[in-house]
Amino acid sequence: MILLGEGASTPTVQDADKDGVPDGQDLCPTVAGSAATNGCPDADNDGVPDGDDECPDVAGSRTLAGCPDRDNDGIADKNDQCPDEAGTAANNGCPIRDGDNDGVPDSEDECPNEAGKPALKGCPDRDNDGIADKNDRCPDQRGTAATNGCPDSDNDGIIDSADRCPNSAALLLITAALR
């Protein structure tokens, strides 16, 4: 507690820029600002001092260094290639498109107009044999990659539709033994 006697003067507070923030607390003592920004100017009144504001003429968010984000995706409009559509940083602020809603982005989807399986790069597999229908010679019958997706019931390497004995590999073995 300071007691001032009669005739004593009140100590003066220095405020060179006359903004109401004492020079000792003013982070910008030679330029007028507001108390909310510790005495520094804030032209767009967003609470981010102009010296720290990457968008000083447009009100924005403190978390985005004073820049706006119209689509609220967390990417400042100045860095967002799609500022009116929410997207991801990995896609420069644009949404990841997946026209057939199969979970495979159109940019990576080999069958972007048909819903498919991620393991098959977005292509369908009607017979669930692990071979995309576009590469499957028999898309409605389970087969193997060795037979281009067609069945070979006796595993003799000849697809059933071309095999004279689709349920027996014996003919092949007899033929091989006679050679």
N, C-alpha and C. Protein backbone atom coordinates (compact mmCIF):
# COMPACT_ATOMS: atom_id res chain seq x y z
N MET A 1 0.84 -1.15 0.00
CA MET A 1 0.00 0.00 0.00
C MET A 1 0.89 1.23 0.00
N ILE A 2 0.56 2.12 -0.93
CA ILE A 2 1.33 3.35 -1.04
C ILE A 2 0.45 4.50 -0.54
N LEU A 3 1.01 5.21 0.39
CA LEU A 3 0.29 6.38 0.89
C LEU A 3 0.93 7.61 0.30
N LEU A 4 0.11 8.43 -0.26
CA LEU A 4 0.63 9.66 -0.85
C LEU A 4 0.29 10.80 0.10
N GLY A 5 1.27 11.55 0.38
CA GLY A 5 1.05 12.70 1.25
C GLY A 5 0.48 13.87 0.47
N GLU A 6 0.16 14.92 1.23
CA GLU A 6 -0.40 16.10 0.62
C GLU A 6 0.62 16.70 -0.33
N GLY A 7 0.16 17.03 -1.54
CA GLY A 7 1.04 17.65 -2.52
C GLY A 7 1.79 16.63 -3.37
N ALA A 8 1.67 15.35 -3.03
CA ALA A 8 2.36 14.34 -3.85
C ALA A 8 1.58 14.12 -5.13
N SER A 9 2.30 13.83 -6.19
CA SER A 9 1.63 13.62 -7.48
C SER A 9 1.39 12.14 -7.72
N THR A 10 0.35 11.86 -8.50
CA THR A 10 0.02 10.49 -8.87
C THR A 10 1.03 10.04 -9.92
N PRO A 11 1.56 8.82 -9.78
CA PRO A 11 2.53 8.37 -10.78
C PRO A 11 1.84 8.29 -12.16
N THR A 12 2.56 8.69 -13.17
CA THR A 12 1.99 8.67 -14.52
C THR A 12 2.30 7.34 -15.18
N VAL A 13 1.33 6.89 -15.94
CA VAL A 13 1.47 5.64 -16.67
C VAL A 13 1.81 6.00 -18.11
N GLN A 14 2.87 5.42 -18.61
CA GLN A 14 3.28 5.70 -19.99
C GLN A 14 2.40 4.91 -20.95
N ASP A 15 1.89 5.57 -21.99
CA ASP A 15 1.09 4.95 -23.04
C ASP A 15 1.37 5.73 -24.32
N ALA A 16 2.49 5.43 -24.94
CA ALA A 16 2.97 6.20 -26.10
C ALA A 16 1.96 6.22 -27.25
N ASP A 17 1.26 5.12 -27.49
CA ASP A 17 0.34 5.08 -28.64
C ASP A 17 -1.08 5.48 -28.26
N LYS A 18 -1.30 5.81 -27.00
CA LYS A 18 -2.58 6.30 -26.50
C LYS A 18 -3.75 5.35 -26.77
N ASP A 19 -3.48 4.02 -26.65
CA ASP A 19 -4.56 3.05 -26.89
C ASP A 19 -5.18 2.54 -25.59
N GLY A 20 -4.72 3.04 -24.46
CA GLY A 20 -5.28 2.64 -23.18
C GLY A 20 -4.57 1.44 -22.56
N VAL A 21 -3.58 0.91 -23.24
CA VAL A 21 -2.81 -0.22 -22.71
C VAL A 21 -1.44 0.34 -22.32
N PRO A 22 -1.08 0.27 -21.04
CA PRO A 22 0.20 0.82 -20.59
C PRO A 22 1.37 0.19 -21.36
N ASP A 23 2.34 1.03 -21.68
CA ASP A 23 3.49 0.56 -22.46
C ASP A 23 4.14 -0.69 -21.86
N GLY A 24 4.15 -0.82 -20.56
CA GLY A 24 4.76 -1.98 -19.91
C GLY A 24 4.01 -3.28 -20.20
N GLN A 25 2.75 -3.17 -20.58
CA GLN A 25 1.93 -4.35 -20.90
C GLN A 25 1.60 -4.44 -22.39
N ASP A 26 1.95 -3.39 -23.13
CA ASP A 26 1.59 -3.25 -24.55
C ASP A 26 2.64 -3.98 -25.41
N LEU A 27 2.20 -5.00 -26.13
CA LEU A 27 3.12 -5.73 -27.01
C LEU A 27 3.45 -4.96 -28.28
N CYS A 28 2.67 -3.91 -28.53
CA CYS A 28 2.89 -3.03 -29.69
C CYS A 28 2.81 -1.60 -29.19
N PRO A 29 3.79 -1.13 -28.40
CA PRO A 29 3.66 0.17 -27.73
C PRO A 29 3.69 1.39 -28.64
N THR A 30 4.07 1.23 -29.88
CA THR A 30 4.12 2.40 -30.77
C THR A 30 2.98 2.42 -31.78
N VAL A 31 2.11 1.39 -31.77
CA VAL A 31 0.97 1.32 -32.68
C VAL A 31 -0.27 1.04 -31.83
N ALA A 32 -1.31 1.84 -32.04
CA ALA A 32 -2.54 1.68 -31.24
C ALA A 32 -3.22 0.35 -31.53
N GLY A 33 -3.67 -0.29 -30.48
CA GLY A 33 -4.39 -1.55 -30.60
C GLY A 33 -5.44 -1.64 -29.51
N SER A 34 -5.86 -2.84 -29.20
CA SER A 34 -6.87 -2.99 -28.15
C SER A 34 -6.33 -3.85 -27.01
N ALA A 35 -7.00 -3.76 -25.89
CA ALA A 35 -6.61 -4.56 -24.74
C ALA A 35 -6.76 -6.05 -25.04
N ALA A 36 -7.75 -6.39 -25.87
CA ALA A 36 -8.00 -7.80 -26.21
C ALA A 36 -6.82 -8.44 -26.94
N THR A 37 -6.03 -7.62 -27.64
CA THR A 37 -4.86 -8.14 -28.37
C THR A 37 -3.57 -7.58 -27.77
N ASN A 38 -3.61 -7.32 -26.48
CA ASN A 38 -2.45 -6.83 -25.72
C ASN A 38 -1.84 -5.57 -26.33
N GLY A 39 -2.71 -4.70 -26.82
CA GLY A 39 -2.25 -3.42 -27.34
C GLY A 39 -1.84 -3.44 -28.80
N CYS A 40 -2.01 -4.55 -29.48
CA CYS A 40 -1.64 -4.64 -30.90
C CYS A 40 -2.88 -4.45 -31.77
N PRO A 41 -2.68 -3.95 -32.99
CA PRO A 41 -3.82 -3.74 -33.88
C PRO A 41 -4.41 -5.06 -34.38
N ASP A 42 -5.70 -5.02 -34.66
CA ASP A 42 -6.43 -6.18 -35.20
C ASP A 42 -7.48 -5.62 -36.16
N ALA A 43 -7.08 -5.37 -37.40
CA ALA A 43 -7.92 -4.68 -38.38
C ALA A 43 -9.25 -5.38 -38.63
N ASP A 44 -9.26 -6.72 -38.61
CA ASP A 44 -10.51 -7.44 -38.91
C ASP A 44 -11.29 -7.83 -37.66
N ASN A 45 -10.80 -7.44 -36.49
CA ASN A 45 -11.47 -7.68 -35.20
C ASN A 45 -11.80 -9.16 -34.94
N ASP A 46 -10.88 -10.05 -35.31
CA ASP A 46 -11.11 -11.47 -35.05
C ASP A 46 -10.38 -11.97 -33.82
N GLY A 47 -9.70 -11.10 -33.13
CA GLY A 47 -8.99 -11.48 -31.91
C GLY A 47 -7.57 -11.95 -32.16
N VAL A 48 -7.13 -11.94 -33.41
CA VAL A 48 -5.76 -12.31 -33.75
C VAL A 48 -5.03 -11.04 -34.17
N PRO A 49 -3.99 -10.66 -33.45
CA PRO A 49 -3.26 -9.43 -33.80
C PRO A 49 -2.77 -9.50 -35.26
N ASP A 50 -2.81 -8.36 -35.95
CA ASP A 50 -2.43 -8.32 -37.36
C ASP A 50 -1.05 -8.93 -37.62
N GLY A 51 -0.12 -8.77 -36.71
CA GLY A 51 1.23 -9.33 -36.89
C GLY A 51 1.24 -10.85 -36.91
N ASP A 52 0.24 -11.49 -36.31
CA ASP A 52 0.14 -12.95 -36.27
C ASP A 52 -0.94 -13.48 -37.21
N ASP A 53 -1.69 -12.56 -37.79
CA ASP A 53 -2.86 -12.91 -38.60
C ASP A 53 -2.45 -13.15 -40.05
N GLU A 54 -2.64 -14.38 -40.55
CA GLU A 54 -2.29 -14.69 -41.94
C GLU A 54 -3.32 -14.15 -42.92
N CYS A 55 -4.46 -13.71 -42.40
CA CYS A 55 -5.52 -13.10 -43.21
C CYS A 55 -6.00 -11.85 -42.48
N PRO A 56 -5.16 -10.81 -42.39
CA PRO A 56 -5.48 -9.67 -41.53
C PRO A 56 -6.66 -8.82 -41.99
N ASP A 57 -7.11 -8.97 -43.22
CA ASP A 57 -8.22 -8.15 -43.71
C ASP A 57 -9.56 -8.87 -43.69
N VAL A 58 -9.55 -10.16 -43.29
CA VAL A 58 -10.78 -10.96 -43.26
C VAL A 58 -10.84 -11.65 -41.90
N ALA A 59 -11.95 -11.51 -41.20
CA ALA A 59 -12.09 -12.15 -39.88
C ALA A 59 -12.04 -13.66 -40.02
N GLY A 60 -11.31 -14.28 -39.11
CA GLY A 60 -11.18 -15.73 -39.14
C GLY A 60 -11.04 -16.32 -37.76
N SER A 61 -10.49 -17.49 -37.71
CA SER A 61 -10.38 -18.26 -36.48
C SER A 61 -8.97 -18.17 -35.90
N ARG A 62 -8.91 -18.13 -34.58
CA ARG A 62 -7.59 -18.15 -33.92
C ARG A 62 -6.84 -19.44 -34.26
N THR A 63 -7.56 -20.56 -34.33
CA THR A 63 -6.89 -21.84 -34.60
C THR A 63 -6.34 -21.93 -36.02
N LEU A 64 -6.84 -21.06 -36.91
CA LEU A 64 -6.35 -21.04 -38.29
C LEU A 64 -5.57 -19.76 -38.58
N ALA A 65 -4.88 -19.26 -37.56
CA ALA A 65 -4.04 -18.07 -37.67
C ALA A 65 -4.80 -16.87 -38.23
N GLY A 66 -6.08 -16.74 -37.84
CA GLY A 66 -6.87 -15.58 -38.23
C GLY A 66 -7.52 -15.69 -39.59
N CYS A 67 -7.48 -16.86 -40.19
CA CYS A 67 -8.09 -17.03 -41.52
C CYS A 67 -9.46 -17.70 -41.40
N PRO A 68 -10.36 -17.38 -42.33
CA PRO A 68 -11.70 -17.99 -42.32
C PRO A 68 -11.69 -19.41 -42.88
N ASP A 69 -12.76 -20.14 -42.56
CA ASP A 69 -12.96 -21.51 -43.04
C ASP A 69 -14.46 -21.68 -43.26
N ARG A 70 -14.94 -21.31 -44.44
CA ARG A 70 -16.38 -21.30 -44.72
C ARG A 70 -17.03 -22.67 -44.56
N ASP A 71 -16.34 -23.75 -44.96
CA ASP A 71 -16.97 -25.07 -44.90
C ASP A 71 -16.68 -25.82 -43.60
N ASN A 72 -15.98 -25.18 -42.67
CA ASN A 72 -15.68 -25.75 -41.35
C ASN A 72 -15.00 -27.11 -41.39
N ASP A 73 -14.08 -27.29 -42.35
CA ASP A 73 -13.36 -28.57 -42.42
C ASP A 73 -11.99 -28.50 -41.76
N GLY A 74 -11.67 -27.34 -41.15
CA GLY A 74 -10.39 -27.20 -40.46
C GLY A 74 -9.26 -26.76 -41.37
N ILE A 75 -9.57 -26.43 -42.62
CA ILE A 75 -8.56 -25.98 -43.58
C ILE A 75 -8.92 -24.55 -43.97
N ALA A 76 -7.99 -23.63 -43.73
CA ALA A 76 -8.24 -22.22 -44.04
C ALA A 76 -8.60 -22.07 -45.51
N ASP A 77 -9.57 -21.21 -45.79
CA ASP A 77 -10.03 -21.01 -47.17
C ASP A 77 -8.89 -20.71 -48.13
N LYS A 78 -7.87 -19.97 -47.67
CA LYS A 78 -6.76 -19.63 -48.55
C LYS A 78 -5.95 -20.85 -48.98
N ASN A 79 -6.06 -21.95 -48.24
CA ASN A 79 -5.34 -23.19 -48.57
C ASN A 79 -6.28 -24.29 -49.05
N ASP A 80 -7.56 -23.98 -49.15
CA ASP A 80 -8.60 -24.97 -49.45
C ASP A 80 -9.00 -24.87 -50.92
N GLN A 81 -8.78 -25.95 -51.68
CA GLN A 81 -9.16 -25.93 -53.10
C GLN A 81 -10.67 -26.04 -53.29
N CYS A 82 -11.38 -26.43 -52.24
CA CYS A 82 -12.85 -26.53 -52.27
C CYS A 82 -13.40 -25.84 -51.02
N PRO A 83 -13.30 -24.49 -50.94
CA PRO A 83 -13.65 -23.81 -49.70
C PRO A 83 -15.12 -23.87 -49.32
N ASP A 84 -15.99 -24.30 -50.23
CA ASP A 84 -17.41 -24.38 -49.90
C ASP A 84 -17.90 -25.82 -49.73
N GLU A 85 -16.97 -26.78 -49.80
CA GLU A 85 -17.30 -28.20 -49.56
C GLU A 85 -16.30 -28.75 -48.57
N ALA A 86 -16.77 -29.35 -47.49
CA ALA A 86 -15.86 -29.91 -46.49
C ALA A 86 -15.06 -31.06 -47.10
N GLY A 87 -13.78 -31.07 -46.80
CA GLY A 87 -12.91 -32.13 -47.32
C GLY A 87 -11.79 -32.45 -46.35
N THR A 88 -10.78 -33.11 -46.85
CA THR A 88 -9.66 -33.52 -46.00
C THR A 88 -8.40 -32.76 -46.40
N ALA A 89 -7.48 -32.65 -45.46
CA ALA A 89 -6.20 -32.00 -45.75
C ALA A 89 -5.45 -32.80 -46.81
N ALA A 90 -5.54 -34.12 -46.74
CA ALA A 90 -4.85 -34.97 -47.71
C ALA A 90 -5.35 -34.74 -49.13
N ASN A 91 -6.57 -34.22 -49.25
CA ASN A 91 -7.16 -33.98 -50.57
C ASN A 91 -7.30 -32.47 -50.82
N ASN A 92 -6.39 -31.68 -50.21
CA ASN A 92 -6.35 -30.22 -50.37
C ASN A 92 -7.67 -29.54 -50.04
N GLY A 93 -8.39 -30.08 -49.07
CA GLY A 93 -9.62 -29.46 -48.62
C GLY A 93 -10.85 -29.88 -49.41
N CYS A 94 -10.67 -30.75 -50.37
CA CYS A 94 -11.80 -31.21 -51.18
C CYS A 94 -12.30 -32.55 -50.66
N PRO A 95 -13.59 -32.81 -50.86
CA PRO A 95 -14.11 -34.11 -50.43
C PRO A 95 -13.55 -35.23 -51.31
N ILE A 96 -13.45 -36.39 -50.73
CA ILE A 96 -13.02 -37.56 -51.50
C ILE A 96 -14.26 -38.12 -52.17
N ARG A 97 -14.23 -38.16 -53.47
CA ARG A 97 -15.38 -38.61 -54.25
C ARG A 97 -15.40 -40.13 -54.34
N ASP A 98 -16.59 -40.69 -54.17
CA ASP A 98 -16.81 -42.13 -54.30
C ASP A 98 -18.22 -42.31 -54.86
N GLY A 99 -18.34 -42.15 -56.17
CA GLY A 99 -19.64 -42.14 -56.82
C GLY A 99 -20.47 -43.38 -56.61
N ASP A 100 -19.84 -44.55 -56.48
CA ASP A 100 -20.62 -45.77 -56.31
C ASP A 100 -20.73 -46.20 -54.84
N ASN A 101 -20.20 -45.38 -53.94
CA ASN A 101 -20.30 -45.61 -52.48
C ASN A 101 -19.80 -46.98 -52.04
N ASP A 102 -18.69 -47.43 -52.63
CA ASP A 102 -18.14 -48.73 -52.22
C ASP A 102 -16.95 -48.60 -51.28
N GLY A 103 -16.62 -47.37 -50.90
CA GLY A 103 -15.50 -47.17 -49.99
C GLY A 103 -14.16 -47.01 -50.68
N VAL A 104 -14.15 -47.07 -52.01
CA VAL A 104 -12.92 -46.88 -52.78
C VAL A 104 -13.05 -45.54 -53.51
N PRO A 105 -12.14 -44.59 -53.24
CA PRO A 105 -12.24 -43.29 -53.90
C PRO A 105 -12.22 -43.45 -55.43
N ASP A 106 -13.01 -42.62 -56.10
CA ASP A 106 -13.08 -42.71 -57.56
C ASP A 106 -11.70 -42.64 -58.21
N SER A 107 -10.79 -41.87 -57.63
CA SER A 107 -9.45 -41.73 -58.21
C SER A 107 -8.66 -43.04 -58.17
N GLU A 108 -9.07 -43.99 -57.34
CA GLU A 108 -8.38 -45.28 -57.21
C GLU A 108 -9.27 -46.44 -57.64
N ASP A 109 -10.51 -46.16 -58.00
CA ASP A 109 -11.51 -47.18 -58.30
C ASP A 109 -11.42 -47.60 -59.77
N GLU A 110 -11.12 -48.86 -60.02
CA GLU A 110 -11.04 -49.36 -61.40
C GLU A 110 -12.42 -49.57 -62.00
N CYS A 111 -13.45 -49.55 -61.17
CA CYS A 111 -14.84 -49.69 -61.62
C CYS A 111 -15.68 -48.62 -60.90
N PRO A 112 -15.45 -47.33 -61.21
CA PRO A 112 -16.08 -46.25 -60.44
C PRO A 112 -17.59 -46.15 -60.57
N ASN A 113 -18.18 -46.82 -61.53
CA ASN A 113 -19.63 -46.73 -61.71
C ASN A 113 -20.38 -47.96 -61.19
N GLU A 114 -19.63 -48.90 -60.60
CA GLU A 114 -20.24 -50.11 -60.02
C GLU A 114 -19.67 -50.30 -58.63
N ALA A 115 -20.52 -50.54 -57.66
CA ALA A 115 -20.04 -50.81 -56.31
C ALA A 115 -19.29 -52.13 -56.32
N GLY A 116 -18.11 -52.12 -55.70
CA GLY A 116 -17.29 -53.33 -55.67
C GLY A 116 -16.59 -53.51 -54.35
N LYS A 117 -15.55 -54.29 -54.38
CA LYS A 117 -14.82 -54.62 -53.16
C LYS A 117 -13.49 -53.87 -53.12
N PRO A 118 -13.15 -53.33 -51.96
CA PRO A 118 -11.87 -52.64 -51.85
C PRO A 118 -10.69 -53.53 -52.24
N ALA A 119 -10.74 -54.80 -51.90
CA ALA A 119 -9.64 -55.71 -52.23
C ALA A 119 -9.47 -55.89 -53.74
N LEU A 120 -10.53 -55.61 -54.49
CA LEU A 120 -10.49 -55.74 -55.95
C LEU A 120 -10.50 -54.36 -56.61
N LYS A 121 -9.93 -53.37 -55.91
CA LYS A 121 -9.81 -52.00 -56.41
C LYS A 121 -11.16 -51.42 -56.83
N GLY A 122 -12.21 -51.77 -56.07
CA GLY A 122 -13.53 -51.20 -56.29
C GLY A 122 -14.36 -51.91 -57.33
N CYS A 123 -13.91 -53.06 -57.80
CA CYS A 123 -14.68 -53.79 -58.82
C CYS A 123 -15.51 -54.89 -58.17
N PRO A 124 -16.68 -55.19 -58.77
CA PRO A 124 -17.54 -56.24 -58.22
C PRO A 124 -17.01 -57.64 -58.54
N ASP A 125 -17.51 -58.61 -57.77
CA ASP A 125 -17.17 -60.03 -57.95
C ASP A 125 -18.43 -60.81 -57.60
N ARG A 126 -19.30 -61.01 -58.59
CA ARG A 126 -20.61 -61.64 -58.34
C ARG A 126 -20.50 -63.04 -57.75
N ASP A 127 -19.52 -63.83 -58.22
CA ASP A 127 -19.43 -65.22 -57.74
C ASP A 127 -18.50 -65.38 -56.54
N ASN A 128 -17.96 -64.26 -56.03
CA ASN A 128 -17.10 -64.27 -54.83
C ASN A 128 -15.91 -65.22 -54.94
N ASP A 129 -15.30 -65.29 -56.12
CA ASP A 129 -14.12 -66.14 -56.26
C ASP A 129 -12.81 -65.37 -56.15
N GLY A 130 -12.91 -64.07 -55.86
CA GLY A 130 -11.71 -63.26 -55.68
C GLY A 130 -11.17 -62.69 -56.98
N ILE A 131 -11.90 -62.88 -58.09
CA ILE A 131 -11.50 -62.36 -59.38
C ILE A 131 -12.57 -61.34 -59.80
N ALA A 132 -12.13 -60.10 -60.04
CA ALA A 132 -13.07 -59.05 -60.42
C ALA A 132 -13.82 -59.47 -61.68
N ASP A 133 -15.11 -59.19 -61.72
CA ASP A 133 -15.94 -59.57 -62.86
C ASP A 133 -15.35 -59.12 -64.19
N LYS A 134 -14.71 -57.95 -64.21
CA LYS A 134 -14.15 -57.45 -65.47
C LYS A 134 -13.01 -58.32 -65.98
N ASN A 135 -12.41 -59.11 -65.11
CA ASN A 135 -11.31 -60.01 -65.50
C ASN A 135 -11.73 -61.48 -65.45
N ASP A 136 -12.97 -61.75 -65.11
CA ASP A 136 -13.47 -63.10 -64.88
C ASP A 136 -14.22 -63.59 -66.12
N ARG A 137 -13.71 -64.65 -66.78
CA ARG A 137 -14.37 -65.17 -67.98
C ARG A 137 -15.69 -65.87 -67.63
N CYS A 138 -15.87 -66.23 -66.36
CA CYS A 138 -17.09 -66.89 -65.90
C CYS A 138 -17.55 -66.18 -64.62
N PRO A 139 -18.07 -64.95 -64.73
CA PRO A 139 -18.36 -64.14 -63.54
C PRO A 139 -19.49 -64.67 -62.66
N ASP A 140 -20.24 -65.65 -63.15
CA ASP A 140 -21.33 -66.20 -62.33
C ASP A 140 -21.02 -67.60 -61.80
N GLN A 141 -19.80 -68.05 -62.04
CA GLN A 141 -19.37 -69.37 -61.53
C GLN A 141 -18.00 -69.20 -60.88
N ARG A 142 -17.84 -69.79 -59.72
CA ARG A 142 -16.56 -69.68 -59.00
C ARG A 142 -15.46 -70.42 -59.76
N GLY A 143 -14.32 -69.77 -59.84
CA GLY A 143 -13.16 -70.38 -60.48
C GLY A 143 -11.89 -69.89 -59.83
N THR A 144 -10.78 -70.13 -60.46
CA THR A 144 -9.49 -69.71 -59.93
C THR A 144 -8.83 -68.75 -60.90
N ALA A 145 -7.80 -68.09 -60.42
CA ALA A 145 -7.05 -67.18 -61.29
C ALA A 145 -6.38 -67.96 -62.42
N ALA A 146 -5.96 -69.19 -62.14
CA ALA A 146 -5.30 -70.01 -63.16
C ALA A 146 -6.23 -70.31 -64.34
N THR A 147 -7.53 -70.34 -64.09
CA THR A 147 -8.49 -70.62 -65.16
C THR A 147 -9.33 -69.38 -65.49
N ASN A 148 -8.75 -68.20 -65.23
CA ASN A 148 -9.41 -66.92 -65.52
C ASN A 148 -10.80 -66.82 -64.91
N GLY A 149 -10.98 -67.40 -63.74
CA GLY A 149 -12.23 -67.31 -63.02
C GLY A 149 -13.26 -68.36 -63.39
N CYS A 150 -12.90 -69.29 -64.25
CA CYS A 150 -13.86 -70.34 -64.64
C CYS A 150 -13.62 -71.60 -63.81
N PRO A 151 -14.68 -72.39 -63.61
CA PRO A 151 -14.53 -73.60 -62.80
C PRO A 151 -13.75 -74.70 -63.54
N ASP A 152 -13.03 -75.46 -62.75
CA ASP A 152 -12.30 -76.65 -63.22
C ASP A 152 -12.49 -77.69 -62.12
N SER A 153 -13.65 -78.37 -62.19
CA SER A 153 -14.06 -79.28 -61.12
C SER A 153 -13.06 -80.37 -60.81
N ASP A 154 -12.37 -80.88 -61.84
CA ASP A 154 -11.44 -81.98 -61.59
C ASP A 154 -9.98 -81.51 -61.47
N ASN A 155 -9.78 -80.20 -61.47
CA ASN A 155 -8.44 -79.61 -61.29
C ASN A 155 -7.41 -80.14 -62.29
N ASP A 156 -7.86 -80.39 -63.53
CA ASP A 156 -6.91 -80.88 -64.53
C ASP A 156 -6.36 -79.75 -65.40
N GLY A 157 -6.74 -78.50 -65.09
CA GLY A 157 -6.24 -77.36 -65.85
C GLY A 157 -7.08 -77.02 -67.06
N ILE A 158 -8.14 -77.78 -67.30
CA ILE A 158 -9.05 -77.52 -68.40
C ILE A 158 -10.38 -77.08 -67.79
N ILE A 159 -10.85 -75.88 -68.21
CA ILE A 159 -12.10 -75.39 -67.61
C ILE A 159 -13.23 -76.33 -67.98
N ASP A 160 -14.18 -76.44 -67.10
CA ASP A 160 -15.28 -77.41 -67.26
C ASP A 160 -15.99 -77.28 -68.60
N SER A 161 -16.21 -76.05 -69.08
CA SER A 161 -16.95 -75.89 -70.34
C SER A 161 -16.17 -76.41 -71.55
N ALA A 162 -14.87 -76.60 -71.43
CA ALA A 162 -14.06 -77.12 -72.52
C ALA A 162 -13.55 -78.54 -72.25
N ASP A 163 -13.89 -79.08 -71.08
CA ASP A 163 -13.38 -80.38 -70.64
C ASP A 163 -14.39 -81.48 -71.02
N ARG A 164 -13.93 -82.48 -71.76
CA ARG A 164 -14.81 -83.58 -72.15
C ARG A 164 -15.23 -84.42 -70.94
N CYS A 165 -14.40 -84.42 -69.93
CA CYS A 165 -14.71 -85.15 -68.69
C CYS A 165 -14.46 -84.19 -67.51
N PRO A 166 -15.40 -83.25 -67.28
CA PRO A 166 -15.16 -82.22 -66.27
C PRO A 166 -15.08 -82.74 -64.83
N ASN A 167 -15.52 -83.94 -64.59
CA ASN A 167 -15.48 -84.46 -63.23
C ASN A 167 -14.41 -85.52 -63.04
N SER A 168 -13.53 -85.70 -64.02
CA SER A 168 -12.51 -86.72 -63.92
C SER A 168 -11.22 -86.26 -64.58
N ALA A 169 -10.15 -86.31 -63.82
CA ALA A 169 -8.84 -85.96 -64.36
C ALA A 169 -8.16 -87.19 -64.90
N ALA A 170 -8.81 -88.36 -64.81
CA ALA A 170 -8.21 -89.63 -65.20
C ALA A 170 -7.80 -89.64 -66.67
N LEU A 171 -8.62 -89.09 -67.56
CA LEU A 171 -8.29 -89.10 -68.98
C LEU A 171 -6.98 -88.39 -69.23
N LEU A 172 -6.77 -87.29 -68.55
CA LEU A 172 -5.53 -86.57 -68.71
C LEU A 172 -4.36 -87.41 -68.23
N LEU A 173 -4.52 -88.12 -67.11
CA LEU A 173 -3.46 -88.94 -66.57
C LEU A 173 -3.14 -90.13 -67.50
N ILE A 174 -4.17 -90.71 -68.07
CA ILE A 174 -3.96 -91.84 -69.01
C ILE A 174 -3.25 -91.34 -70.26
N THR A 175 -3.69 -90.21 -70.77
CA THR A 175 -3.07 -89.65 -71.96
C THR A 175 -1.62 -89.32 -71.70
N ALA A 176 -1.32 -88.77 -70.53
CA ALA A 176 0.06 -88.42 -70.18
C ALA A 176 0.90 -89.67 -70.04
N ALA A 177 0.34 -90.78 -69.52
CA ALA A 177 1.09 -92.01 -69.34
C ALA A 177 1.39 -92.67 -70.68
N LEU A 178 0.54 -92.48 -71.69
CA LEU A 178 0.76 -93.09 -72.98
C LEU A 178 1.81 -92.37 -73.80
N ARG A 179 2.17 -91.22 -73.45
CA ARG A 179 3.16 -90.44 -74.22
C ARG A 179 4.54 -90.89 -73.99
